[in-house]
Amino acid sequence: MRMTARDVLSCLILAVLLGGAGLGLRRALPVTPVDAAFRAVLSAYAAPAGGPQQHD
C-alpha cells in the first residue's frame, strides 16, 4: 500500500499536535523534586565503586 501526499500530511499534522501536547504538558505540570528516600534507593542499587561491571 502506497502512502499518498494526504497520508503524509495527516501524519505530519498528528506528529506536530502530539509534540505540542507533550510540550504543553511539560510546561504546565511541575517536575517532582528528588527526595531523600529516592536517593537512598538509588544508592542501594548503585554499582560498587571500582568493581567490575556486568557488561565488561
N, C-alpha and C. Protein backbone atom coordinates (compact mmCIF):
# COMPACT_ATOMS: atom_id res chain seq x y z
N MET A 1 0.84 -1.17 0.00
CA MET A 1 0.00 0.00 0.00
C MET A 1 0.89 1.24 0.00
N ARG A 2 0.69 2.10 -0.95
CA ARG A 2 1.49 3.31 -1.07
C ARG A 2 0.86 4.44 -0.28
N MET A 3 1.72 5.29 0.28
CA MET A 3 1.23 6.46 1.01
C MET A 3 1.06 7.61 0.03
N THR A 4 -0.04 8.28 0.14
CA THR A 4 -0.28 9.44 -0.70
C THR A 4 0.19 10.69 0.04
N ALA A 5 0.18 11.80 -0.66
CA ALA A 5 0.58 13.07 -0.05
C ALA A 5 -0.36 13.43 1.09
N ARG A 6 -1.62 13.07 0.96
CA ARG A 6 -2.58 13.35 2.03
C ARG A 6 -2.25 12.54 3.28
N ASP A 7 -1.83 11.29 3.11
CA ASP A 7 -1.44 10.45 4.25
C ASP A 7 -0.22 11.03 4.96
N VAL A 8 0.76 11.46 4.20
CA VAL A 8 1.97 12.04 4.78
C VAL A 8 1.64 13.33 5.52
N LEU A 9 0.79 14.15 4.94
CA LEU A 9 0.40 15.40 5.58
C LEU A 9 -0.36 15.15 6.88
N SER A 10 -1.26 14.18 6.87
CA SER A 10 -2.01 13.89 8.10
C SER A 10 -1.10 13.32 9.18
N CYS A 11 -0.11 12.50 8.80
CA CYS A 11 0.85 12.00 9.79
C CYS A 11 1.69 13.14 10.36
N LEU A 12 2.09 14.07 9.51
CA LEU A 12 2.87 15.21 9.95
C LEU A 12 2.06 16.09 10.90
N ILE A 13 0.81 16.32 10.57
CA ILE A 13 -0.04 17.14 11.44
C ILE A 13 -0.25 16.45 12.78
N LEU A 14 -0.47 15.14 12.77
CA LEU A 14 -0.64 14.40 14.01
C LEU A 14 0.63 14.46 14.86
N ALA A 15 1.78 14.33 14.23
CA ALA A 15 3.05 14.39 14.97
C ALA A 15 3.25 15.76 15.60
N VAL A 16 2.93 16.80 14.87
CA VAL A 16 3.08 18.16 15.40
C VAL A 16 2.11 18.40 16.56
N LEU A 17 0.88 17.91 16.42
CA LEU A 17 -0.09 18.06 17.50
C LEU A 17 0.34 17.30 18.76
N LEU A 18 0.81 16.08 18.58
CA LEU A 18 1.26 15.30 19.74
C LEU A 18 2.49 15.92 20.39
N GLY A 19 3.40 16.43 19.59
CA GLY A 19 4.57 17.11 20.14
C GLY A 19 4.18 18.36 20.90
N GLY A 20 3.25 19.11 20.34
CA GLY A 20 2.77 20.31 21.03
C GLY A 20 2.06 19.97 22.34
N ALA A 21 1.29 18.89 22.34
CA ALA A 21 0.63 18.47 23.58
C ALA A 21 1.66 18.04 24.62
N GLY A 22 2.70 17.34 24.19
CA GLY A 22 3.74 16.94 25.13
C GLY A 22 4.48 18.13 25.71
N LEU A 23 4.81 19.08 24.86
CA LEU A 23 5.49 20.28 25.36
C LEU A 23 4.58 21.09 26.28
N GLY A 24 3.30 21.15 25.94
CA GLY A 24 2.36 21.87 26.79
C GLY A 24 2.23 21.23 28.16
N LEU A 25 2.15 19.89 28.19
CA LEU A 25 2.09 19.21 29.48
C LEU A 25 3.37 19.40 30.27
N ARG A 26 4.49 19.38 29.58
CA ARG A 26 5.79 19.54 30.25
C ARG A 26 5.89 20.93 30.89
N ARG A 27 5.36 21.92 30.21
CA ARG A 27 5.40 23.29 30.75
C ARG A 27 4.36 23.50 31.84
N ALA A 28 3.21 22.82 31.75
CA ALA A 28 2.11 23.06 32.68
C ALA A 28 2.30 22.32 34.00
N LEU A 29 2.88 21.12 33.96
CA LEU A 29 2.99 20.32 35.17
C LEU A 29 4.39 20.44 35.76
N PRO A 30 4.50 20.68 37.05
CA PRO A 30 5.81 20.81 37.66
C PRO A 30 6.51 19.45 37.77
N VAL A 31 7.83 19.50 37.75
CA VAL A 31 8.63 18.29 37.92
C VAL A 31 8.73 17.99 39.41
N THR A 32 8.52 16.73 39.76
CA THR A 32 8.60 16.33 41.17
C THR A 32 10.05 16.33 41.61
N PRO A 33 10.39 17.02 42.68
CA PRO A 33 11.78 17.05 43.12
C PRO A 33 12.20 15.70 43.71
N VAL A 34 13.48 15.42 43.62
CA VAL A 34 14.03 14.17 44.17
C VAL A 34 14.15 14.32 45.67
N ASP A 35 13.60 13.36 46.41
CA ASP A 35 13.65 13.43 47.86
C ASP A 35 14.69 12.46 48.41
N ALA A 36 14.86 12.45 49.71
CA ALA A 36 15.89 11.63 50.36
C ALA A 36 15.61 10.14 50.20
N ALA A 37 14.35 9.72 50.22
CA ALA A 37 14.03 8.30 50.07
C ALA A 37 14.42 7.79 48.69
N PHE A 38 14.19 8.59 47.67
CA PHE A 38 14.56 8.19 46.31
C PHE A 38 16.08 8.10 46.17
N ARG A 39 16.79 9.04 46.76
CA ARG A 39 18.26 8.98 46.73
C ARG A 39 18.78 7.75 47.45
N ALA A 40 18.13 7.33 48.53
CA ALA A 40 18.54 6.13 49.26
C ALA A 40 18.36 4.89 48.40
N VAL A 41 17.28 4.83 47.64
CA VAL A 41 17.06 3.69 46.75
C VAL A 41 18.11 3.67 45.66
N LEU A 42 18.42 4.82 45.09
CA LEU A 42 19.44 4.87 44.05
C LEU A 42 20.80 4.43 44.58
N SER A 43 21.15 4.86 45.77
CA SER A 43 22.45 4.47 46.31
C SER A 43 22.47 2.99 46.67
N ALA A 44 21.34 2.42 47.05
CA ALA A 44 21.29 0.99 47.38
C ALA A 44 21.50 0.13 46.15
N TYR A 45 21.04 0.58 44.99
CA TYR A 45 21.18 -0.18 43.76
C TYR A 45 22.39 0.22 42.93
N ALA A 46 23.19 1.15 43.41
CA ALA A 46 24.35 1.61 42.66
C ALA A 46 25.43 0.53 42.62
N ALA A 47 26.20 0.54 41.54
CA ALA A 47 27.30 -0.41 41.41
C ALA A 47 28.42 -0.01 42.37
N PRO A 48 29.12 -0.98 42.93
CA PRO A 48 30.22 -0.62 43.83
C PRO A 48 31.33 0.11 43.07
N ALA A 49 31.93 1.07 43.73
CA ALA A 49 32.99 1.87 43.10
C ALA A 49 34.23 1.02 42.87
N GLY A 50 34.75 1.05 41.65
CA GLY A 50 35.98 0.35 41.34
C GLY A 50 35.82 -1.14 41.05
N GLY A 51 34.64 -1.68 41.20
CA GLY A 51 34.43 -3.09 40.97
C GLY A 51 34.18 -3.38 39.49
N PRO A 52 34.20 -4.66 39.12
CA PRO A 52 33.95 -4.99 37.71
C PRO A 52 32.49 -4.73 37.36
N GLN A 53 32.28 -4.32 36.13
CA GLN A 53 30.94 -4.05 35.69
C GLN A 53 30.38 -5.28 34.98
N GLN A 54 29.07 -5.38 34.98
CA GLN A 54 28.41 -6.56 34.42
C GLN A 54 28.61 -6.65 32.91
N HIS A 55 28.73 -5.52 32.21
CA HIS A 55 28.80 -5.53 30.76
C HIS A 55 30.20 -5.69 30.22
N ASP A 56 31.19 -5.83 31.08
CA ASP A 56 32.58 -5.97 30.58
C ASP A 56 32.84 -7.34 30.06
